[in-house]
Structure formats: structure tokens, C-alpha cells
Amino acid sequence: MNQLLLNKITVYSQQNGFRQVNKRVTVAMALSQFTEGVDGDSLWLFLRNERFQISRGTVYLALKWLIKSGIANRKVRDDRVCIFSIRPL
């Protein structure tokens, strides 16, 4: 587990009055495994293949939260697919 990423999520959650939700952490940790970034559906499939019980909607809500918190980036490719990645820590 990436301890720096976990610390960043914990600090942001505490400073902004959010509960630290395990599914957000799970999505962030999975996202950090993709060096080139990944689209939301592929990330969801990756998590499902790793035997996590998580819905597609939960993955996208977690990605939205990670972007708003400044932990993740979102880029839109020419084919209008959003690619998500963890910002450098």
C-alpha cells in the first residue's frame, strides 16, 4: 500500500470534514498502480477482477472526490474518453 497516498487522503479528509471511506482509498490505491492513467470503466473492471465488490458508480464518485481533493488528475483524450491518474506526491 502506498503510505504517502494514504496519508494524503487522511489529511485531506480530516481537514475538510470528510469520513475516510475505504472505497475511496481502494480506488485511489488501484489508480496509483496505473502509470499511464486509466479510464473509469477499465479501473472498475480491474477492481472487479481483483475481487472487490464495488459498483461502477462508486468508482466514478470516488474519482470525482479524488479530483476535487487534488489527489488525482483527469484528462480528456481526443476520442472524449476521460483518463484518470494520481498526481505526483
C-alpha atoms as a PDB file:
ATOM      1  CA  MET A   1       0.000   0.000   0.000  1.00  0.00           C
ATOM      2  CA  ASN A   2       1.264   3.452  -0.858  1.00  0.00           C
ATOM      3  CA  GLN A   3       1.615   5.089   2.578  1.00  0.00           C
ATOM      4  CA  LEU A   4       2.153   8.608   1.163  1.00  0.00           C
ATOM      5  CA  LEU A   5      -1.084   8.397  -0.797  1.00  0.00           C
ATOM      6  CA  LEU A   6      -2.963   7.073   2.230  1.00  0.00           C
ATOM      7  CA  ASN A   7      -1.576   9.909   4.368  1.00  0.00           C
ATOM      8  CA  LYS A   8      -2.623  12.491   1.794  1.00  0.00           C
ATOM      9  CA  ILE A   9      -6.188  11.120   1.704  1.00  0.00           C
ATOM     10  CA  THR A  10      -6.330  11.009   5.511  1.00  0.00           C
ATOM     11  CA  VAL A  11      -5.098  14.593   5.917  1.00  0.00           C
ATOM     12  CA  TYR A  12      -7.467  15.936   3.260  1.00  0.00           C
ATOM     13  CA  SER A  13     -10.410  14.074   4.805  1.00  0.00           C
ATOM     14  CA  GLN A  14      -9.652  15.357   8.310  1.00  0.00           C
ATOM     15  CA  GLN A  15      -9.080  18.952   7.203  1.00  0.00           C
ATOM     16  CA  ASN A  16     -12.314  19.078   5.202  1.00  0.00           C
ATOM     17  CA  GLY A  17     -14.623  17.140   7.496  1.00  0.00           C
ATOM     18  CA  PHE A  18     -14.953  14.002   5.366  1.00  0.00           C
ATOM     19  CA  ARG A  19     -15.066  10.478   6.678  1.00  0.00           C
ATOM     20  CA  GLN A  20     -12.247   8.352   5.359  1.00  0.00           C
ATOM     21  CA  VAL A  21     -14.208   5.884   3.262  1.00  0.00           C
ATOM     22  CA  ASN A  22     -12.443   2.610   2.485  1.00  0.00           C
ATOM     23  CA  LYS A  23     -13.802   2.501  -1.062  1.00  0.00           C
ATOM     24  CA  ARG A  24     -12.198   5.877  -1.856  1.00  0.00           C
ATOM     25  CA  VAL A  25      -8.908   4.544  -0.563  1.00  0.00           C
ATOM     26  CA  THR A  26      -9.358   1.340  -2.575  1.00  0.00           C
ATOM     27  CA  VAL A  27      -9.998   3.312  -5.780  1.00  0.00           C
ATOM     28  CA  ALA A  28      -7.012   5.590  -5.113  1.00  0.00           C
ATOM     29  CA  MET A  29      -4.687   2.661  -4.460  1.00  0.00           C
ATOM     30  CA  ALA A  30      -5.853   0.885  -7.610  1.00  0.00           C
ATOM     31  CA  LEU A  31      -5.479   4.083  -9.635  1.00  0.00           C
ATOM     32  CA  SER A  32      -1.926   4.507  -8.371  1.00  0.00           C
ATOM     33  CA  GLN A  33      -0.991   1.189  -9.999  1.00  0.00           C
ATOM     34  CA  PHE A  34      -1.536   2.635 -13.499  1.00  0.00           C
ATOM     35  CA  THR A  35       1.461   4.717 -14.524  1.00  0.00           C
ATOM     36  CA  GLU A  36      -0.102   5.954 -17.772  1.00  0.00           C
ATOM     37  CA  GLY A  37      -3.546   6.628 -16.318  1.00  0.00           C
ATOM     38  CA  VAL A  38      -6.740   4.697 -16.951  1.00  0.00           C
ATOM     39  CA  ASP A  39     -10.355   5.324 -17.886  1.00  0.00           C
ATOM     40  CA  GLY A  40     -13.030   4.805 -15.232  1.00  0.00           C
ATOM     41  CA  ASP A  41     -14.573   1.684 -16.742  1.00  0.00           C
ATOM     42  CA  SER A  42     -11.205  -0.059 -17.041  1.00  0.00           C
ATOM     43  CA  LEU A  43     -10.422   0.850 -13.436  1.00  0.00           C
ATOM     44  CA  TRP A  44     -13.769  -0.599 -12.346  1.00  0.00           C
ATOM     45  CA  LEU A  45     -13.075  -3.822 -14.283  1.00  0.00           C
ATOM     46  CA  PHE A  46      -9.611  -4.029 -12.721  1.00  0.00           C
ATOM     47  CA  LEU A  47     -11.125  -3.753  -9.240  1.00  0.00           C
ATOM     48  CA  ARG A  48     -13.792  -6.338 -10.025  1.00  0.00           C
ATOM     49  CA  ASN A  49     -11.130  -8.736 -11.338  1.00  0.00           C
ATOM     50  CA  GLU A  50      -9.237  -8.210  -8.068  1.00  0.00           C
ATOM     51  CA  ARG A  51     -12.403  -9.419  -6.282  1.00  0.00           C
ATOM     52  CA  PHE A  52     -13.509  -6.053  -4.859  1.00  0.00           C
ATOM     53  CA  GLN A  53     -17.267  -5.679  -4.522  1.00  0.00           C
ATOM     54  CA  ILE A  54     -17.651  -2.141  -5.852  1.00  0.00           C
ATOM     55  CA  SER A  55     -20.121  -0.594  -8.262  1.00  0.00           C
ATOM     56  CA  ARG A  56     -19.211   1.426 -11.319  1.00  0.00           C
ATOM     57  CA  GLY A  57     -20.996   4.430  -9.795  1.00  0.00           C
ATOM     58  CA  THR A  58     -18.932   4.194  -6.620  1.00  0.00           C
ATOM     59  CA  VAL A  59     -15.736   4.168  -8.671  1.00  0.00           C
ATOM     60  CA  TYR A  60     -16.786   7.314 -10.537  1.00  0.00           C
ATOM     61  CA  LEU A  61     -17.868   9.070  -7.312  1.00  0.00           C
ATOM     62  CA  ALA A  62     -14.511   8.206  -5.746  1.00  0.00           C
ATOM     63  CA  LEU A  63     -12.691   9.510  -8.841  1.00  0.00           C
ATOM     64  CA  LYS A  64     -14.678  12.756  -8.663  1.00  0.00           C
ATOM     65  CA  TRP A  65     -13.777  13.128  -4.978  1.00  0.00           C
ATOM     66  CA  LEU A  66     -10.093  12.402  -5.701  1.00  0.00           C
ATOM     67  CA  ILE A  67     -10.028  15.062  -8.424  1.00  0.00           C
ATOM     68  CA  LYS A  68     -11.748  17.636  -6.217  1.00  0.00           C
ATOM     69  CA  SER A  69      -9.284  16.890  -3.419  1.00  0.00           C
ATOM     70  CA  GLY A  70      -6.329  17.439  -5.756  1.00  0.00           C
ATOM     71  CA  ILE A  71      -5.089  13.878  -5.394  1.00  0.00           C
ATOM     72  CA  ALA A  72      -5.955  12.792  -8.944  1.00  0.00           C
ATOM     73  CA  ASN A  73      -5.969  14.323 -12.422  1.00  0.00           C
ATOM     74  CA  ARG A  74      -8.468  13.953 -15.228  1.00  0.00           C
ATOM     75  CA  LYS A  75      -7.546  14.440 -18.879  1.00  0.00           C
ATOM     76  CA  VAL A  76      -9.891  14.145 -21.836  1.00  0.00           C
ATOM     77  CA  ARG A  77      -8.461  12.354 -24.866  1.00  0.00           C
ATOM     78  CA  ASP A  78      -9.330  13.287 -28.449  1.00  0.00           C
ATOM     79  CA  ASP A  79     -11.910  10.492 -28.517  1.00  0.00           C
ATOM     80  CA  ARG A  80     -13.625  12.169 -25.498  1.00  0.00           C
ATOM     81  CA  VAL A  81     -12.661   9.452 -23.035  1.00  0.00           C
ATOM     82  CA  CYS A  82     -11.579  10.707 -19.610  1.00  0.00           C
ATOM     83  CA  ILE A  83      -8.275   9.352 -18.338  1.00  0.00           C
ATOM     84  CA  PHE A  84      -7.566   9.466 -14.623  1.00  0.00           C
ATOM     85  CA  SER A  85      -4.221   9.342 -12.850  1.00  0.00           C
ATOM     86  CA  ILE A  86      -2.759  10.073  -9.425  1.00  0.00           C
ATOM     87  CA  ARG A  87      -0.908  13.356  -9.178  1.00  0.00           C
ATOM     88  CA  PRO A  88       2.753  13.058  -8.215  1.00  0.00           C
ATOM     89  CA  LEU A  89       3.082  13.059  -4.433  1.00  0.00           C
END
